[in-house]
Amino acid sequence: MRHRSLLMFIALASCSSPGLKTYYPEDQLVPVFIDIHIAKAAVQNAPPSVRDSLYEQYFLHLCSIHQVDPDSVQHDLDMMTREPDLMERLYAHVVDSMEARMELRQVPD
C-alpha cells in the first residue's frame, strides 16, 4: 500500500507542469515584442496567401537584429498564452515603452 501511494505521488508530480520560465529576461523581451507587434501590423493588410510567410521573414529578421534565438522567442510567446499574469506584466512594459517612443516622435507645436 505504501509503495502504491509513493508511486502515485511520483506520477502526479511528474505530470504537474514545472514553473514556466522565459528563456530571456523581461527587459530583453520588451523591445523584441514591440518589434513583433509592429511587424504584425505591417503584414495585416497583406494578401492572405503571403501574410504568414511575410510575417515569418520579419520575425526571423527581428530575432537576428535583437540577437535572440527564434525558437526561444516563440517558446516565450507561447508560454505567455498559458501564463496570463506574466503576459499582463510584460505587455504593460511593452505598452509603456511604445507610448514613450510615440511621445519622443511627436513634434512640439
PDB file of N, CA and C in Angstrom:
ATOM      1  N   MET A   1       0.823  -1.193   0.000  1.00  0.00           N
ATOM      2  CA  MET A   1       0.000   0.000   0.000  1.00  0.00           C
ATOM      3  C   MET A   1       0.870   1.260   0.000  1.00  0.00           C
ATOM      4  N   ARG A   2       1.894   1.219   0.806  1.00  0.00           N
ATOM      5  CA  ARG A   2       2.788   2.359   0.908  1.00  0.00           C
ATOM      6  C   ARG A   2       3.488   2.642  -0.427  1.00  0.00           C
ATOM      7  N   HIS A   3       3.859   1.569  -1.102  1.00  0.00           N
ATOM      8  CA  HIS A   3       4.537   1.720  -2.386  1.00  0.00           C
ATOM      9  C   HIS A   3       3.603   2.310  -3.439  1.00  0.00           C
ATOM     10  N   ARG A   4       2.343   1.906  -3.389  1.00  0.00           N
ATOM     11  CA  ARG A   4       1.369   2.457  -4.346  1.00  0.00           C
ATOM     12  C   ARG A   4       1.187   3.952  -4.128  1.00  0.00           C
ATOM     13  N   SER A   5       1.116   4.357  -2.873  1.00  0.00           N
ATOM     14  CA  SER A   5       0.967   5.780  -2.574  1.00  0.00           C
ATOM     15  C   SER A   5       2.170   6.561  -3.076  1.00  0.00           C
ATOM     16  N   LEU A   6       3.358   6.006  -2.868  1.00  0.00           N
ATOM     17  CA  LEU A   6       4.580   6.661  -3.328  1.00  0.00           C
ATOM     18  C   LEU A   6       4.606   6.739  -4.848  1.00  0.00           C
ATOM     19  N   LEU A   7       4.247   5.647  -5.518  1.00  0.00           N
ATOM     20  CA  LEU A   7       4.211   5.652  -6.979  1.00  0.00           C
ATOM     21  C   LEU A   7       3.185   6.642  -7.515  1.00  0.00           C
ATOM     22  N   MET A   8       2.035   6.700  -6.862  1.00  0.00           N
ATOM     23  CA  MET A   8       1.001   7.641  -7.288  1.00  0.00           C
ATOM     24  C   MET A   8       1.488   9.089  -7.114  1.00  0.00           C
ATOM     25  N   PHE A   9       2.157   9.375  -6.014  1.00  0.00           N
ATOM     26  CA  PHE A   9       2.684  10.710  -5.768  1.00  0.00           C
ATOM     27  C   PHE A   9       3.718  11.082  -6.830  1.00  0.00           C
ATOM     28  N   ILE A  10       4.607  10.152  -7.148  1.00  0.00           N
ATOM     29  CA  ILE A  10       5.630  10.405  -8.170  1.00  0.00           C
ATOM     30  C   ILE A  10       4.974  10.637  -9.527  1.00  0.00           C
ATOM     31  N   ALA A  11       3.968   9.839  -9.850  1.00  0.00           N
ATOM     32  CA  ALA A  11       3.281  10.001 -11.134  1.00  0.00           C
ATOM     33  C   ALA A  11       2.588  11.352 -11.222  1.00  0.00           C
ATOM     34  N   LEU A  12       1.921  11.761 -10.163  1.00  0.00           N
ATOM     35  CA  LEU A  12       1.246  13.063 -10.167  1.00  0.00           C
ATOM     36  C   LEU A  12       2.244  14.199 -10.223  1.00  0.00           C
ATOM     37  N   ALA A  13       3.339  14.072  -9.499  1.00  0.00           N
ATOM     38  CA  ALA A  13       4.358  15.121  -9.505  1.00  0.00           C
ATOM     39  C   ALA A  13       4.979  15.275 -10.876  1.00  0.00           C
ATOM     40  N   SER A  14       5.161  14.180 -11.583  1.00  0.00           N
ATOM     41  CA  SER A  14       5.765  14.270 -12.913  1.00  0.00           C
ATOM     42  C   SER A  14       4.800  14.862 -13.926  1.00  0.00           C
ATOM     43  N   CYS A  15       3.492  14.793 -13.676  1.00  0.00           N
ATOM     44  CA  CYS A  15       2.502  15.348 -14.599  1.00  0.00           C
ATOM     45  C   CYS A  15       2.310  16.843 -14.397  1.00  0.00           C
ATOM     46  N   SER A  16       2.602  17.326 -13.219  1.00  0.00           N
ATOM     47  CA  SER A  16       2.399  18.749 -12.985  1.00  0.00           C
ATOM     48  C   SER A  16       3.452  19.537 -13.731  1.00  0.00           C
ATOM     49  N   SER A  17       3.053  20.694 -14.223  1.00  0.00           N
ATOM     50  CA  SER A  17       3.986  21.497 -15.001  1.00  0.00           C
ATOM     51  C   SER A  17       4.925  22.240 -14.066  1.00  0.00           C
ATOM     52  N   PRO A  18       6.210  22.201 -14.371  1.00  0.00           N
ATOM     53  CA  PRO A  18       7.155  22.941 -13.545  1.00  0.00           C
ATOM     54  C   PRO A  18       6.943  24.429 -13.763  1.00  0.00           C
ATOM     55  N   GLY A  19       7.508  25.239 -12.919  1.00  0.00           N
ATOM     56  CA  GLY A  19       7.370  26.681 -13.082  1.00  0.00           C
ATOM     57  C   GLY A  19       7.817  27.093 -14.468  1.00  0.00           C
ATOM     58  N   LEU A  20       6.922  27.659 -15.227  1.00  0.00           N
ATOM     59  CA  LEU A  20       7.250  28.069 -16.585  1.00  0.00           C
ATOM     60  C   LEU A  20       8.097  29.327 -16.531  1.00  0.00           C
ATOM     61  N   LYS A  21       9.183  29.304 -17.275  1.00  0.00           N
ATOM     62  CA  LYS A  21      10.087  30.443 -17.299  1.00  0.00           C
ATOM     63  C   LYS A  21      10.400  30.797 -18.737  1.00  0.00           C
ATOM     64  N   THR A  22      10.636  32.059 -18.944  1.00  0.00           N
ATOM     65  CA  THR A  22      11.032  32.503 -20.269  1.00  0.00           C
ATOM     66  C   THR A  22      12.528  32.272 -20.447  1.00  0.00           C
ATOM     67  N   TYR A  23      12.942  32.127 -21.688  1.00  0.00           N
ATOM     68  CA  TYR A  23      14.359  31.983 -21.976  1.00  0.00           C
ATOM     69  C   TYR A  23      15.089  33.307 -21.766  1.00  0.00           C
ATOM     70  N   TYR A  24      14.387  34.395 -22.029  1.00  0.00           N
ATOM     71  CA  TYR A  24      15.010  35.709 -21.957  1.00  0.00           C
ATOM     72  C   TYR A  24      14.377  36.532 -20.844  1.00  0.00           C
ATOM     73  N   PRO A  25      15.157  37.421 -20.244  1.00  0.00           N
ATOM     74  CA  PRO A  25      14.590  38.284 -19.198  1.00  0.00           C
ATOM     75  C   PRO A  25      13.618  39.288 -19.822  1.00  0.00           C
ATOM     76  N   GLU A  26      12.712  39.776 -18.994  1.00  0.00           N
ATOM     77  CA  GLU A  26      11.680  40.689 -19.486  1.00  0.00           C
ATOM     78  C   GLU A  26      12.271  41.907 -20.181  1.00  0.00           C
ATOM     79  N   ASP A  27      13.332  42.484 -19.629  1.00  0.00           N
ATOM     80  CA  ASP A  27      13.893  43.695 -20.226  1.00  0.00           C
ATOM     81  C   ASP A  27      14.465  43.429 -21.623  1.00  0.00           C
ATOM     82  N   GLN A  28      14.817  42.199 -21.923  1.00  0.00           N
ATOM     83  CA  GLN A  28      15.281  41.864 -23.263  1.00  0.00           C
ATOM     84  C   GLN A  28      14.106  41.522 -24.177  1.00  0.00           C
ATOM     85  N   LEU A  29      13.026  40.995 -23.612  1.00  0.00           N
ATOM     86  CA  LEU A  29      11.865  40.634 -24.416  1.00  0.00           C
ATOM     87  C   LEU A  29      11.051  41.843 -24.863  1.00  0.00           C
ATOM     88  N   VAL A  30      11.010  42.885 -24.048  1.00  0.00           N
ATOM     89  CA  VAL A  30      10.162  44.042 -24.362  1.00  0.00           C
ATOM     90  C   VAL A  30      10.468  44.614 -25.740  1.00  0.00           C
ATOM     91  N   PRO A  31      11.716  44.969 -26.072  1.00  0.00           N
ATOM     92  CA  PRO A  31      11.958  45.523 -27.414  1.00  0.00           C
ATOM     93  C   PRO A  31      11.679  44.515 -28.532  1.00  0.00           C
ATOM     94  N   VAL A  32      11.900  43.242 -28.277  1.00  0.00           N
ATOM     95  CA  VAL A  32      11.596  42.217 -29.278  1.00  0.00           C
ATOM     96  C   VAL A  32      10.093  42.174 -29.527  1.00  0.00           C
ATOM     97  N   PHE A  33       9.304  42.165 -28.448  1.00  0.00           N
ATOM     98  CA  PHE A  33       7.851  42.107 -28.585  1.00  0.00           C
ATOM     99  C   PHE A  33       7.289  43.373 -29.232  1.00  0.00           C
ATOM    100  N   ILE A  34       7.893  44.520 -28.963  1.00  0.00           N
ATOM    101  CA  ILE A  34       7.459  45.755 -29.639  1.00  0.00           C
ATOM    102  C   ILE A  34       7.624  45.592 -31.144  1.00  0.00           C
ATOM    103  N   ASP A  35       8.795  45.137 -31.556  1.00  0.00           N
ATOM    104  CA  ASP A  35       9.044  44.973 -32.985  1.00  0.00           C
ATOM    105  C   ASP A  35       8.157  43.887 -33.597  1.00  0.00           C
ATOM    106  N   ILE A  36       7.854  42.859 -32.837  1.00  0.00           N
ATOM    107  CA  ILE A  36       6.953  41.808 -33.337  1.00  0.00           C
ATOM    108  C   ILE A  36       5.562  42.391 -33.587  1.00  0.00           C
ATOM    109  N   HIS A  37       5.099  43.236 -32.691  1.00  0.00           N
ATOM    110  CA  HIS A  37       3.782  43.853 -32.890  1.00  0.00           C
ATOM    111  C   HIS A  37       3.789  44.790 -34.096  1.00  0.00           C
ATOM    112  N   ILE A  38       4.868  45.502 -34.285  1.00  0.00           N
ATOM    113  CA  ILE A  38       4.975  46.367 -35.456  1.00  0.00           C
ATOM    114  C   ILE A  38       4.972  45.522 -36.729  1.00  0.00           C
ATOM    115  N   ALA A  39       5.686  44.399 -36.705  1.00  0.00           N
ATOM    116  CA  ALA A  39       5.716  43.502 -37.869  1.00  0.00           C
ATOM    117  C   ALA A  39       4.329  42.930 -38.149  1.00  0.00           C
ATOM    118  N   LYS A  40       3.610  42.546 -37.098  1.00  0.00           N
ATOM    119  CA  LYS A  40       2.253  42.023 -37.304  1.00  0.00           C
ATOM    120  C   LYS A  40       1.348  43.080 -37.914  1.00  0.00           C
ATOM    121  N   ALA A  41       1.495  44.314 -37.458  1.00  0.00           N
ATOM    122  CA  ALA A  41       0.692  45.399 -38.030  1.00  0.00           C
ATOM    123  C   ALA A  41       1.071  45.635 -39.492  1.00  0.00           C
ATOM    124  N   ALA A  42       2.356  45.512 -39.801  1.00  0.00           N
ATOM    125  CA  ALA A  42       2.824  45.745 -41.168  1.00  0.00           C
ATOM    126  C   ALA A  42       2.275  44.725 -42.153  1.00  0.00           C
ATOM    127  N   VAL A  43       2.083  43.495 -41.720  1.00  0.00           N
ATOM    128  CA  VAL A  43       1.609  42.455 -42.640  1.00  0.00           C
ATOM    129  C   VAL A  43       0.099  42.264 -42.584  1.00  0.00           C
ATOM    130  N   GLN A  44      -0.561  42.977 -41.721  1.00  0.00           N
ATOM    131  CA  GLN A  44      -2.003  42.795 -41.519  1.00  0.00           C
ATOM    132  C   GLN A  44      -2.802  42.940 -42.809  1.00  0.00           C
ATOM    133  N   ASN A  45      -2.435  43.882 -43.656  1.00  0.00           N
ATOM    134  CA  ASN A  45      -3.196  44.117 -44.882  1.00  0.00           C
ATOM    135  C   ASN A  45      -2.607  43.410 -46.095  1.00  0.00           C
ATOM    136  N   ALA A  46      -1.591  42.592 -45.875  1.00  0.00           N
ATOM    137  CA  ALA A  46      -1.017  41.822 -46.984  1.00  0.00           C
ATOM    138  C   ALA A  46      -2.017  40.752 -47.406  1.00  0.00           C
ATOM    139  N   PRO A  47      -1.948  40.320 -48.642  1.00  0.00           N
ATOM    140  CA  PRO A  47      -2.849  39.254 -49.087  1.00  0.00           C
ATOM    141  C   PRO A  47      -2.681  38.010 -48.210  1.00  0.00           C
ATOM    142  N   PRO A  48      -3.780  37.353 -47.890  1.00  0.00           N
ATOM    143  CA  PRO A  48      -3.700  36.166 -47.025  1.00  0.00           C
ATOM    144  C   PRO A  48      -2.723  35.100 -47.518  1.00  0.00           C
ATOM    145  N   SER A  49      -2.550  35.012 -48.809  1.00  0.00           N
ATOM    146  CA  SER A  49      -1.674  33.974 -49.366  1.00  0.00           C
ATOM    147  C   SER A  49      -0.206  34.192 -49.007  1.00  0.00           C
ATOM    148  N   VAL A  50       0.183  35.423 -48.660  1.00  0.00           N
ATOM    149  CA  VAL A  50       1.588  35.700 -48.332  1.00  0.00           C
ATOM    150  C   VAL A  50       1.783  36.216 -46.908  1.00  0.00           C
ATOM    151  N   ARG A  51       0.690  36.480 -46.213  1.00  0.00           N
ATOM    152  CA  ARG A  51       0.778  37.106 -44.888  1.00  0.00           C
ATOM    153  C   ARG A  51       1.645  36.312 -43.910  1.00  0.00           C
ATOM    154  N   ASP A  52       1.393  35.016 -43.797  1.00  0.00           N
ATOM    155  CA  ASP A  52       2.130  34.203 -42.834  1.00  0.00           C
ATOM    156  C   ASP A  52       3.613  34.109 -43.176  1.00  0.00           C
ATOM    157  N   SER A  53       3.928  33.895 -44.439  1.00  0.00           N
ATOM    158  CA  SER A  53       5.338  33.778 -44.816  1.00  0.00           C
ATOM    159  C   SER A  53       6.056  35.120 -44.683  1.00  0.00           C
ATOM    160  N   LEU A  54       5.355  36.205 -44.965  1.00  0.00           N
ATOM    161  CA  LEU A  54       5.945  37.528 -44.801  1.00  0.00           C
ATOM    162  C   LEU A  54       6.228  37.814 -43.331  1.00  0.00           C
ATOM    163  N   TYR A  55       5.263  37.484 -42.462  1.00  0.00           N
ATOM    164  CA  TYR A  55       5.476  37.671 -41.023  1.00  0.00           C
ATOM    165  C   TYR A  55       6.648  36.811 -40.545  1.00  0.00           C
ATOM    166  N   GLU A  56       6.716  35.585 -41.029  1.00  0.00           N
ATOM    167  CA  GLU A  56       7.813  34.688 -40.625  1.00  0.00           C
ATOM    168  C   GLU A  56       9.169  35.291 -40.990  1.00  0.00           C
ATOM    169  N   GLN A  57       9.252  35.891 -42.174  1.00  0.00           N
ATOM    170  CA  GLN A  57      10.514  36.529 -42.566  1.00  0.00           C
ATOM    171  C   GLN A  57      10.835  37.727 -41.666  1.00  0.00           C
ATOM    172  N   TYR A  58       9.826  38.538 -41.362  1.00  0.00           N
ATOM    173  CA  TYR A  58      10.028  39.650 -40.431  1.00  0.00           C
ATOM    174  C   TYR A  58      10.482  39.131 -39.065  1.00  0.00           C
ATOM    175  N   PHE A  59       9.811  38.082 -38.593  1.00  0.00           N
ATOM    176  CA  PHE A  59      10.113  37.514 -37.282  1.00  0.00           C
ATOM    177  C   PHE A  59      11.570  37.053 -37.222  1.00  0.00           C
ATOM    178  N   LEU A  60      11.998  36.310 -38.229  1.00  0.00           N
ATOM    179  CA  LEU A  60      13.382  35.824 -38.258  1.00  0.00           C
ATOM    180  C   LEU A  60      14.379  36.975 -38.329  1.00  0.00           C
ATOM    181  N   HIS A  61      14.045  37.983 -39.116  1.00  0.00           N
ATOM    182  CA  HIS A  61      14.933  39.148 -39.230  1.00  0.00           C
ATOM    183  C   HIS A  61      15.008  39.907 -37.899  1.00  0.00           C
ATOM    184  N   LEU A  62      13.869  40.071 -37.231  1.00  0.00           N
ATOM    185  CA  LEU A  62      13.859  40.760 -35.941  1.00  0.00           C
ATOM    186  C   LEU A  62      14.666  39.991 -34.898  1.00  0.00           C
ATOM    187  N   CYS A  63      14.550  38.690 -34.906  1.00  0.00           N
ATOM    188  CA  CYS A  63      15.340  37.876 -33.965  1.00  0.00           C
ATOM    189  C   CYS A  63      16.827  38.053 -34.235  1.00  0.00           C
ATOM    190  N   SER A  64      17.186  38.138 -35.499  1.00  0.00           N
ATOM    191  CA  SER A  64      18.582  38.373 -35.859  1.00  0.00           C
ATOM    192  C   SER A  64      19.050  39.751 -35.369  1.00  0.00           C
ATOM    193  N   ILE A  65      18.226  40.763 -35.579  1.00  0.00           N
ATOM    194  CA  ILE A  65      18.570  42.125 -35.136  1.00  0.00           C
ATOM    195  C   ILE A  65      18.768  42.165 -33.629  1.00  0.00           C
ATOM    196  N   HIS A  66      17.867  41.521 -32.899  1.00  0.00           N
ATOM    197  CA  HIS A  66      17.920  41.548 -31.428  1.00  0.00           C
ATOM    198  C   HIS A  66      18.848  40.477 -30.855  1.00  0.00           C
ATOM    199  N   GLN A  67      19.448  39.681 -31.731  1.00  0.00           N
ATOM    200  CA  GLN A  67      20.378  38.621 -31.341  1.00  0.00           C
ATOM    201  C   GLN A  67      19.745  37.637 -30.344  1.00  0.00           C
ATOM    202  N   VAL A  68      18.560  37.165 -30.705  1.00  0.00           N
ATOM    203  CA  VAL A  68      17.852  36.170 -29.909  1.00  0.00           C
ATOM    204  C   VAL A  68      17.517  34.987 -30.801  1.00  0.00           C
ATOM    205  N   ASP A  69      17.354  33.834 -30.192  1.00  0.00           N
ATOM    206  CA  ASP A  69      17.027  32.618 -30.910  1.00  0.00           C
ATOM    207  C   ASP A  69      15.528  32.597 -31.234  1.00  0.00           C
ATOM    208  N   PRO A  70      15.154  32.440 -32.507  1.00  0.00           N
ATOM    209  CA  PRO A  70      13.732  32.446 -32.876  1.00  0.00           C
ATOM    210  C   PRO A  70      12.904  31.391 -32.143  1.00  0.00           C
ATOM    211  N   ASP A  71      13.438  30.197 -31.976  1.00  0.00           N
ATOM    212  CA  ASP A  71      12.690  29.146 -31.280  1.00  0.00           C
ATOM    213  C   ASP A  71      12.456  29.505 -29.815  1.00  0.00           C
ATOM    214  N   SER A  72      13.451  30.118 -29.193  1.00  0.00           N
ATOM    215  CA  SER A  72      13.311  30.518 -27.786  1.00  0.00           C
ATOM    216  C   SER A  72      12.293  31.644 -27.635  1.00  0.00           C
ATOM    217  N   VAL A  73      12.312  32.592 -28.554  1.00  0.00           N
ATOM    218  CA  VAL A  73      11.336  33.681 -28.509  1.00  0.00           C
ATOM    219  C   VAL A  73       9.933  33.129 -28.740  1.00  0.00           C
ATOM    220  N   GLN A  74       9.800  32.216 -29.689  1.00  0.00           N
ATOM    221  CA  GLN A  74       8.485  31.611 -29.932  1.00  0.00           C
ATOM    222  C   GLN A  74       8.018  30.843 -28.707  1.00  0.00           C
ATOM    223  N   HIS A  75       8.932  30.150 -28.053  1.00  0.00           N
ATOM    224  CA  HIS A  75       8.589  29.457 -26.805  1.00  0.00           C
ATOM    225  C   HIS A  75       8.071  30.457 -25.782  1.00  0.00           C
ATOM    226  N   ASP A  76       8.770  31.592 -25.644  1.00  0.00           N
ATOM    227  CA  ASP A  76       8.358  32.603 -24.667  1.00  0.00           C
ATOM    228  C   ASP A  76       6.978  33.158 -25.011  1.00  0.00           C
ATOM    229  N   LEU A  77       6.723  33.392 -26.300  1.00  0.00           N
ATOM    230  CA  LEU A  77       5.401  33.874 -26.721  1.00  0.00           C
ATOM    231  C   LEU A  77       4.321  32.839 -26.405  1.00  0.00           C
ATOM    232  N   ASP A  78       4.596  31.590 -26.732  1.00  0.00           N
ATOM    233  CA  ASP A  78       3.630  30.518 -26.477  1.00  0.00           C
ATOM    234  C   ASP A  78       3.385  30.348 -24.979  1.00  0.00           C
ATOM    235  N   MET A  79       4.455  30.424 -24.213  1.00  0.00           N
ATOM    236  CA  MET A  79       4.346  30.246 -22.772  1.00  0.00           C
ATOM    237  C   MET A  79       3.473  31.337 -22.149  1.00  0.00           C
ATOM    238  N   MET A  80       3.571  32.533 -22.687  1.00  0.00           N
ATOM    239  CA  MET A  80       2.791  33.633 -22.131  1.00  0.00           C
ATOM    240  C   MET A  80       1.299  33.464 -22.347  1.00  0.00           C
ATOM    241  N   THR A  81       0.923  32.714 -23.346  1.00  0.00           N
ATOM    242  CA  THR A  81      -0.508  32.457 -23.534  1.00  0.00           C
ATOM    243  C   THR A  81      -1.040  31.563 -22.421  1.00  0.00           C
ATOM    244  N   ARG A  82      -0.132  30.833 -21.765  1.00  0.00           N
ATOM    245  CA  ARG A  82      -0.533  29.969 -20.656  1.00  0.00           C
ATOM    246  C   ARG A  82      -0.326  30.635 -19.291  1.00  0.00           C
ATOM    247  N   GLU A  83       0.333  31.770 -19.274  1.00  0.00           N
ATOM    248  CA  GLU A  83       0.626  32.483 -18.018  1.00  0.00           C
ATOM    249  C   GLU A  83       0.134  33.928 -18.123  1.00  0.00           C
ATOM    250  N   PRO A  84      -1.169  34.154 -17.932  1.00  0.00           N
ATOM    251  CA  PRO A  84      -1.721  35.496 -18.136  1.00  0.00           C
ATOM    252  C   PRO A  84      -1.109  36.577 -17.239  1.00  0.00           C
ATOM    253  N   ASP A  85      -0.707  36.224 -16.028  1.00  0.00           N
ATOM    254  CA  ASP A  85      -0.099  37.235 -15.151  1.00  0.00           C
ATOM    255  C   ASP A  85       1.228  37.726 -15.714  1.00  0.00           C
ATOM    256  N   LEU A  86       2.020  36.799 -16.202  1.00  0.00           N
ATOM    257  CA  LEU A  86       3.294  37.160 -16.812  1.00  0.00           C
ATOM    258  C   LEU A  86       3.062  37.976 -18.074  1.00  0.00           C
ATOM    259  N   MET A  87       2.088  37.554 -18.884  1.00  0.00           N
ATOM    260  CA  MET A  87       1.786  38.279 -20.108  1.00  0.00           C
ATOM    261  C   MET A  87       1.330  39.706 -19.798  1.00  0.00           C
ATOM    262  N   GLU A  88       0.468  39.847 -18.820  1.00  0.00           N
ATOM    263  CA  GLU A  88      -0.038  41.172 -18.462  1.00  0.00           C
ATOM    264  C   GLU A  88       1.098  42.079 -17.995  1.00  0.00           C
ATOM    265  N   ARG A  89       1.978  41.544 -17.174  1.00  0.00           N
ATOM    266  CA  ARG A  89       3.100  42.340 -16.663  1.00  0.00           C
ATOM    267  C   ARG A  89       4.041  42.740 -17.797  1.00  0.00           C
ATOM    268  N   LEU A  90       4.369  41.798 -18.673  1.00  0.00           N
ATOM    269  CA  LEU A  90       5.281  42.093 -19.765  1.00  0.00           C
ATOM    270  C   LEU A  90       4.664  43.090 -20.740  1.00  0.00           C
ATOM    271  N   TYR A  91       3.394  42.879 -21.068  1.00  0.00           N
ATOM    272  CA  TYR A  91       2.770  43.777 -22.038  1.00  0.00           C
ATOM    273  C   TYR A  91       2.500  45.162 -21.460  1.00  0.00           C
ATOM    274  N   ALA A  92       2.436  45.288 -20.162  1.00  0.00           N
ATOM    275  CA  ALA A  92       2.376  46.620 -19.551  1.00  0.00           C
ATOM    276  C   ALA A  92       3.674  47.366 -19.857  1.00  0.00           C
ATOM    277  N   HIS A  93       4.799  46.658 -19.786  1.00  0.00           N
ATOM    278  CA  HIS A  93       6.087  47.265 -20.140  1.00  0.00           C
ATOM    279  C   HIS A  93       6.155  47.583 -21.634  1.00  0.00           C
ATOM    280  N   VAL A  94       5.592  46.683 -22.449  1.00  0.00           N
ATOM    281  CA  VAL A  94       5.578  46.909 -23.899  1.00  0.00           C
ATOM    282  C   VAL A  94       4.794  48.174 -24.214  1.00  0.00           C
ATOM    283  N   VAL A  95       3.605  48.306 -23.639  1.00  0.00           N
ATOM    284  CA  VAL A  95       2.762  49.484 -23.890  1.00  0.00           C
ATOM    285  C   VAL A  95       3.459  50.750 -23.396  1.00  0.00           C
ATOM    286  N   ASP A  96       4.032  50.707 -22.200  1.00  0.00           N
ATOM    287  CA  ASP A  96       4.746  51.874 -21.676  1.00  0.00           C
ATOM    288  C   ASP A  96       5.890  52.280 -22.603  1.00  0.00           C
ATOM    289  N   SER A  97       6.633  51.306 -23.081  1.00  0.00           N
ATOM    290  CA  SER A  97       7.759  51.604 -23.973  1.00  0.00           C
ATOM    291  C   SER A  97       7.281  52.164 -25.306  1.00  0.00           C
ATOM    292  N   MET A  98       6.184  51.617 -25.830  1.00  0.00           N
ATOM    293  CA  MET A  98       5.651  52.134 -27.093  1.00  0.00           C
ATOM    294  C   MET A  98       5.131  53.557 -26.930  1.00  0.00           C
ATOM    295  N   GLU A  99       4.468  53.822 -25.807  1.00  0.00           N
ATOM    296  CA  GLU A  99       3.985  55.182 -25.551  1.00  0.00           C
ATOM    297  C   GLU A  99       5.155  56.157 -25.428  1.00  0.00           C
ATOM    298  N   ALA A 100       6.217  55.744 -24.767  1.00  0.00           N
ATOM    299  CA  ALA A 100       7.392  56.602 -24.637  1.00  0.00           C
ATOM    300  C   ALA A 100       8.004  56.889 -26.010  1.00  0.00           C
ATOM    301  N   ARG A 101       8.048  55.899 -26.876  1.00  0.00           N
ATOM    302  CA  ARG A 101       8.559  56.101 -28.235  1.00  0.00           C
ATOM    303  C   ARG A 101       7.696  57.093 -28.986  1.00  0.00           C
ATOM    304  N   MET A 102       6.373  56.957 -28.847  1.00  0.00           N
ATOM    305  CA  MET A 102       5.472  57.856 -29.571  1.00  0.00           C
ATOM    306  C   MET A 102       5.611  59.290 -29.066  1.00  0.00           C
ATOM    307  N   GLU A 103       5.800  59.467 -27.778  1.00  0.00           N
ATOM    308  CA  GLU A 103       5.974  60.816 -27.225  1.00  0.00           C
ATOM    309  C   GLU A 103       7.251  61.454 -27.757  1.00  0.00           C
ATOM    310  N   LEU A 104       8.308  60.678 -27.930  1.00  0.00           N
ATOM    311  CA  LEU A 104       9.552  61.208 -28.454  1.00  0.00           C
ATOM    312  C   LEU A 104       9.426  61.624 -29.918  1.00  0.00           C
ATOM    313  N   ARG A 105       8.538  60.981 -30.632  1.00  0.00           N
ATOM    314  CA  ARG A 105       8.360  61.284 -32.061  1.00  0.00           C
ATOM    315  C   ARG A 105       7.441  62.485 -32.311  1.00  0.00           C
ATOM    316  N   GLN A 106       6.660  62.861 -31.319  1.00  0.00           N
ATOM    317  CA  GLN A 106       5.733  63.984 -31.509  1.00  0.00           C
ATOM    318  C   GLN A 106       6.520  65.288 -31.606  1.00  0.00           C
ATOM    319  N   VAL A 107       6.161  66.043 -32.581  1.00  0.00           N
ATOM    320  CA  VAL A 107       6.798  67.336 -32.796  1.00  0.00           C
ATOM    321  C   VAL A 107       6.046  68.397 -32.008  1.00  0.00           C
ATOM    322  N   PRO A 108       6.755  69.200 -31.220  1.00  0.00           N
ATOM    323  CA  PRO A 108       6.054  70.252 -30.477  1.00  0.00           C
ATOM    324  C   PRO A 108       5.459  71.305 -31.423  1.00  0.00           C
ATOM    325  N   ASP A 109       4.358  71.876 -31.012  1.00  0.00           N
ATOM    326  CA  ASP A 109       3.690  72.910 -31.831  1.00  0.00           C
ATOM    327  C   ASP A 109       4.477  74.182 -31.864  1.00  0.00           C
TER     328      ASP A 109
END
